[in-house]
Amino acid sequence: TAARTKGVVHHIPEHEDNEQKTSEYEQLMLIMNERTTTSTGATFAAIVAMN
């Protein structure tokens, strides 16, 4: 498809965006691990809502 062909051009920036999201998610996971259960639950709910 035409979208498939254009996808090759846009692949690299999309990949970088995905990696940035992953590192942000990992940072949030680390923050969650340092907090109490109640605070972690609230943080996790916020992450789920964002996704």
PDB file of N, CA and C in Angstrom:
ATOM      1  N   THR A   1       0.840  -1.204   0.000  1.00  0.00           N
ATOM      2  CA  THR A   1       0.000   0.000   0.000  1.00  0.00           C
ATOM      3  C   THR A   1       0.873   1.252   0.000  1.00  0.00           C
ATOM      4  N   ALA A   2       0.269   2.384  -0.314  1.00  0.00           N
ATOM      5  CA  ALA A   2       1.007   3.649  -0.304  1.00  0.00           C
ATOM      6  C   ALA A   2       1.465   3.975   1.114  1.00  0.00           C
ATOM      7  N   ALA A   3       0.615   3.690   2.088  1.00  0.00           N
ATOM      8  CA  ALA A   3       0.963   3.960   3.481  1.00  0.00           C
ATOM      9  C   ALA A   3       2.184   3.138   3.883  1.00  0.00           C
ATOM     10  N   ARG A   4       2.250   1.916   3.387  1.00  0.00           N
ATOM     11  CA  ARG A   4       3.381   1.040   3.691  1.00  0.00           C
ATOM     12  C   ARG A   4       4.675   1.660   3.167  1.00  0.00           C
ATOM     13  N   THR A   5       4.649   2.176   1.937  1.00  0.00           N
ATOM     14  CA  THR A   5       5.835   2.779   1.339  1.00  0.00           C
ATOM     15  C   THR A   5       6.271   4.006   2.127  1.00  0.00           C
ATOM     16  N   LYS A   6       5.324   4.850   2.489  1.00  0.00           N
ATOM     17  CA  LYS A   6       5.654   6.037   3.275  1.00  0.00           C
ATOM     18  C   LYS A   6       6.140   5.630   4.663  1.00  0.00           C
ATOM     19  N   GLY A   7       5.662   4.501   5.159  1.00  0.00           N
ATOM     20  CA  GLY A   7       6.056   4.031   6.478  1.00  0.00           C
ATOM     21  C   GLY A   7       7.559   3.851   6.601  1.00  0.00           C
ATOM     22  N   VAL A   8       8.214   3.493   5.496  1.00  0.00           N
ATOM     23  CA  VAL A   8       9.667   3.320   5.522  1.00  0.00           C
ATOM     24  C   VAL A   8      10.341   4.647   5.843  1.00  0.00           C
ATOM     25  N   VAL A   9       9.831   5.724   5.255  1.00  0.00           N
ATOM     26  CA  VAL A   9      10.419   7.046   5.468  1.00  0.00           C
ATOM     27  C   VAL A   9      10.225   7.497   6.914  1.00  0.00           C
ATOM     28  N   HIS A  10       9.054   7.207   7.470  1.00  0.00           N
ATOM     29  CA  HIS A  10       8.719   7.691   8.806  1.00  0.00           C
ATOM     30  C   HIS A  10       9.121   6.709   9.905  1.00  0.00           C
ATOM     31  N   HIS A  11       9.719   5.605   9.525  1.00  0.00           N
ATOM     32  CA  HIS A  11       9.994   4.549  10.506  1.00  0.00           C
ATOM     33  C   HIS A  11      10.930   5.032  11.612  1.00  0.00           C
ATOM     34  N   ILE A  12      12.009   5.717  11.245  1.00  0.00           N
ATOM     35  CA  ILE A  12      13.019   6.098  12.236  1.00  0.00           C
ATOM     36  C   ILE A  12      12.470   7.076  13.277  1.00  0.00           C
ATOM     37  N   PRO A  13      11.822   8.191  12.871  1.00  0.00           N
ATOM     38  CA  PRO A  13      11.274   9.083  13.902  1.00  0.00           C
ATOM     39  C   PRO A  13      10.234   8.400  14.780  1.00  0.00           C
ATOM     40  N   GLU A  14       9.416   7.538  14.200  1.00  0.00           N
ATOM     41  CA  GLU A  14       8.428   6.815  15.002  1.00  0.00           C
ATOM     42  C   GLU A  14       9.133   5.937  16.029  1.00  0.00           C
ATOM     43  N   HIS A  15      10.205   5.279  15.595  1.00  0.00           N
ATOM     44  CA  HIS A  15      10.941   4.408  16.502  1.00  0.00           C
ATOM     45  C   HIS A  15      11.535   5.214  17.656  1.00  0.00           C
ATOM     46  N   GLU A  16      12.068   6.394  17.347  1.00  0.00           N
ATOM     47  CA  GLU A  16      12.641   7.241  18.391  1.00  0.00           C
ATOM     48  C   GLU A  16      11.571   7.670  19.376  1.00  0.00           C
ATOM     49  N   ASP A  17      10.388   8.017  18.862  1.00  0.00           N
ATOM     50  CA  ASP A  17       9.285   8.397  19.740  1.00  0.00           C
ATOM     51  C   ASP A  17       8.931   7.242  20.666  1.00  0.00           C
ATOM     52  N   ASN A  18       8.881   6.034  20.116  1.00  0.00           N
ATOM     53  CA  ASN A  18       8.530   4.864  20.921  1.00  0.00           C
ATOM     54  C   ASN A  18       9.573   4.622  22.005  1.00  0.00           C
ATOM     55  N   GLU A  19      10.843   4.794  21.672  1.00  0.00           N
ATOM     56  CA  GLU A  19      11.889   4.592  22.672  1.00  0.00           C
ATOM     57  C   GLU A  19      11.797   5.645  23.763  1.00  0.00           C
ATOM     58  N   GLN A  20      11.461   6.876  23.382  1.00  0.00           N
ATOM     59  CA  GLN A  20      11.332   7.939  24.379  1.00  0.00           C
ATOM     60  C   GLN A  20      10.184   7.625  25.326  1.00  0.00           C
ATOM     61  N   LYS A  21       9.064   7.152  24.778  1.00  0.00           N
ATOM     62  CA  LYS A  21       7.927   6.777  25.614  1.00  0.00           C
ATOM     63  C   LYS A  21       8.328   5.651  26.559  1.00  0.00           C
ATOM     64  N   THR A  22       9.115   4.702  26.060  1.00  0.00           N
ATOM     65  CA  THR A  22       9.526   3.571  26.881  1.00  0.00           C
ATOM     66  C   THR A  22      10.384   4.049  28.049  1.00  0.00           C
ATOM     67  N   SER A  23      11.331   4.941  27.785  1.00  0.00           N
ATOM     68  CA  SER A  23      12.204   5.401  28.866  1.00  0.00           C
ATOM     69  C   SER A  23      11.409   6.211  29.885  1.00  0.00           C
ATOM     70  N   GLU A  24      10.425   7.000  29.409  1.00  0.00           N
ATOM     71  CA  GLU A  24       9.575   7.744  30.338  1.00  0.00           C
ATOM     72  C   GLU A  24       8.776   6.767  31.192  1.00  0.00           C
ATOM     73  N   TYR A  25       8.270   5.722  30.574  1.00  0.00           N
ATOM     74  CA  TYR A  25       7.503   4.707  31.300  1.00  0.00           C
ATOM     75  C   TYR A  25       8.389   4.016  32.333  1.00  0.00           C
ATOM     76  N   GLU A  26       9.627   3.700  31.936  1.00  0.00           N
ATOM     77  CA  GLU A  26      10.549   3.049  32.867  1.00  0.00           C
ATOM     78  C   GLU A  26      10.858   3.961  34.050  1.00  0.00           C
ATOM     79  N   GLN A  27      11.003   5.263  33.787  1.00  0.00           N
ATOM     80  CA  GLN A  27      11.237   6.210  34.882  1.00  0.00           C
ATOM     81  C   GLN A  27      10.063   6.207  35.841  1.00  0.00           C
ATOM     82  N   LEU A  28       8.836   6.204  35.284  1.00  0.00           N
ATOM     83  CA  LEU A  28       7.647   6.176  36.133  1.00  0.00           C
ATOM     84  C   LEU A  28       7.599   4.881  36.934  1.00  0.00           C
ATOM     85  N   MET A  29       8.000   3.779  36.317  1.00  0.00           N
ATOM     86  CA  MET A  29       8.010   2.499  37.023  1.00  0.00           C
ATOM     87  C   MET A  29       8.991   2.557  38.192  1.00  0.00           C
ATOM     88  N   LEU A  30      10.157   3.168  37.974  1.00  0.00           N
ATOM     89  CA  LEU A  30      11.142   3.297  39.048  1.00  0.00           C
ATOM     90  C   LEU A  30      10.590   4.152  40.177  1.00  0.00           C
ATOM     91  N   ILE A  31       9.913   5.246  39.818  1.00  0.00           N
ATOM     92  CA  ILE A  31       9.299   6.108  40.837  1.00  0.00           C
ATOM     93  C   ILE A  31       8.273   5.308  41.625  1.00  0.00           C
ATOM     94  N   MET A  32       7.455   4.542  40.909  1.00  0.00           N
ATOM     95  CA  MET A  32       6.428   3.728  41.556  1.00  0.00           C
ATOM     96  C   MET A  32       7.051   2.763  42.558  1.00  0.00           C
ATOM     97  N   ASN A  33       8.167   2.153  42.182  1.00  0.00           N
ATOM     98  CA  ASN A  33       8.812   1.168  43.048  1.00  0.00           C
ATOM     99  C   ASN A  33       9.315   1.792  44.345  1.00  0.00           C
ATOM    100  N   GLU A  34       9.572   3.094  44.329  1.00  0.00           N
ATOM    101  CA  GLU A  34      10.104   3.763  45.518  1.00  0.00           C
ATOM    102  C   GLU A  34       9.000   4.240  46.449  1.00  0.00           C
ATOM    103  N   ARG A  35       7.745   4.146  46.008  1.00  0.00           N
ATOM    104  CA  ARG A  35       6.643   4.718  46.787  1.00  0.00           C
ATOM    105  C   ARG A  35       5.830   3.648  47.487  1.00  0.00           C
ATOM    106  N   THR A  36       4.941   4.116  48.367  1.00  0.00           N
ATOM    107  CA  THR A  36       4.075   3.198  49.097  1.00  0.00           C
ATOM    108  C   THR A  36       3.010   2.638  48.165  1.00  0.00           C
ATOM    109  N   THR A  37       2.293   1.645  48.636  1.00  0.00           N
ATOM    110  CA  THR A  37       1.303   0.971  47.807  1.00  0.00           C
ATOM    111  C   THR A  37       0.200   1.924  47.364  1.00  0.00           C
ATOM    112  N   THR A  38      -0.298   2.758  48.256  1.00  0.00           N
ATOM    113  CA  THR A  38      -1.399   3.666  47.910  1.00  0.00           C
ATOM    114  C   THR A  38      -0.947   4.665  46.865  1.00  0.00           C
ATOM    115  N   SER A  39       0.234   5.227  47.054  1.00  0.00           N
ATOM    116  CA  SER A  39       0.758   6.217  46.127  1.00  0.00           C
ATOM    117  C   SER A  39       1.078   5.552  44.789  1.00  0.00           C
ATOM    118  N   THR A  40       1.582   4.324  44.832  1.00  0.00           N
ATOM    119  CA  THR A  40       1.871   3.584  43.607  1.00  0.00           C
ATOM    120  C   THR A  40       0.589   3.331  42.828  1.00  0.00           C
ATOM    121  N   GLY A  41      -0.479   2.979  43.537  1.00  0.00           N
ATOM    122  CA  GLY A  41      -1.761   2.728  42.882  1.00  0.00           C
ATOM    123  C   GLY A  41      -2.249   3.949  42.136  1.00  0.00           C
ATOM    124  N   ALA A  42      -2.090   5.123  42.738  1.00  0.00           N
ATOM    125  CA  ALA A  42      -2.521   6.366  42.100  1.00  0.00           C
ATOM    126  C   ALA A  42      -1.663   6.656  40.873  1.00  0.00           C
ATOM    127  N   THR A  43      -0.356   6.429  40.997  1.00  0.00           N
ATOM    128  CA  THR A  43       0.553   6.662  39.878  1.00  0.00           C
ATOM    129  C   THR A  43       0.236   5.706  38.737  1.00  0.00           C
ATOM    130  N   PHE A  44       0.006   4.444  39.070  1.00  0.00           N
ATOM    131  CA  PHE A  44      -0.308   3.446  38.056  1.00  0.00           C
ATOM    132  C   PHE A  44      -1.602   3.796  37.339  1.00  0.00           C
ATOM    133  N   ALA A  45      -2.602   4.253  38.089  1.00  0.00           N
ATOM    134  CA  ALA A  45      -3.877   4.653  37.492  1.00  0.00           C
ATOM    135  C   ALA A  45      -3.657   5.795  36.505  1.00  0.00           C
ATOM    136  N   ALA A  46      -2.766   6.720  36.848  1.00  0.00           N
ATOM    137  CA  ALA A  46      -2.467   7.845  35.962  1.00  0.00           C
ATOM    138  C   ALA A  46      -1.794   7.352  34.683  1.00  0.00           C
ATOM    139  N   ILE A  47      -0.881   6.387  34.806  1.00  0.00           N
ATOM    140  CA  ILE A  47      -0.196   5.831  33.639  1.00  0.00           C
ATOM    141  C   ILE A  47      -1.203   5.145  32.721  1.00  0.00           C
ATOM    142  N   VAL A  48      -2.076   4.346  33.307  1.00  0.00           N
ATOM    143  CA  VAL A  48      -3.080   3.634  32.516  1.00  0.00           C
ATOM    144  C   VAL A  48      -3.990   4.632  31.804  1.00  0.00           C
ATOM    145  N   ALA A  49      -4.360   5.693  32.507  1.00  0.00           N
ATOM    146  CA  ALA A  49      -5.228   6.717  31.917  1.00  0.00           C
ATOM    147  C   ALA A  49      -4.527   7.402  30.747  1.00  0.00           C
ATOM    148  N   MET A  50      -3.221   7.634  30.875  1.00  0.00           N
ATOM    149  CA  MET A  50      -2.460   8.279  29.804  1.00  0.00           C
ATOM    150  C   MET A  50      -2.407   7.389  28.570  1.00  0.00           C
ATOM    151  N   ASN A  51      -2.254   6.098  28.782  1.00  0.00           N
ATOM    152  CA  ASN A  51      -2.157   5.184  27.647  1.00  0.00           C
ATOM    153  C   ASN A  51      -3.531   4.920  27.072  1.00  0.00           C
TER     154      ASN A  51
END
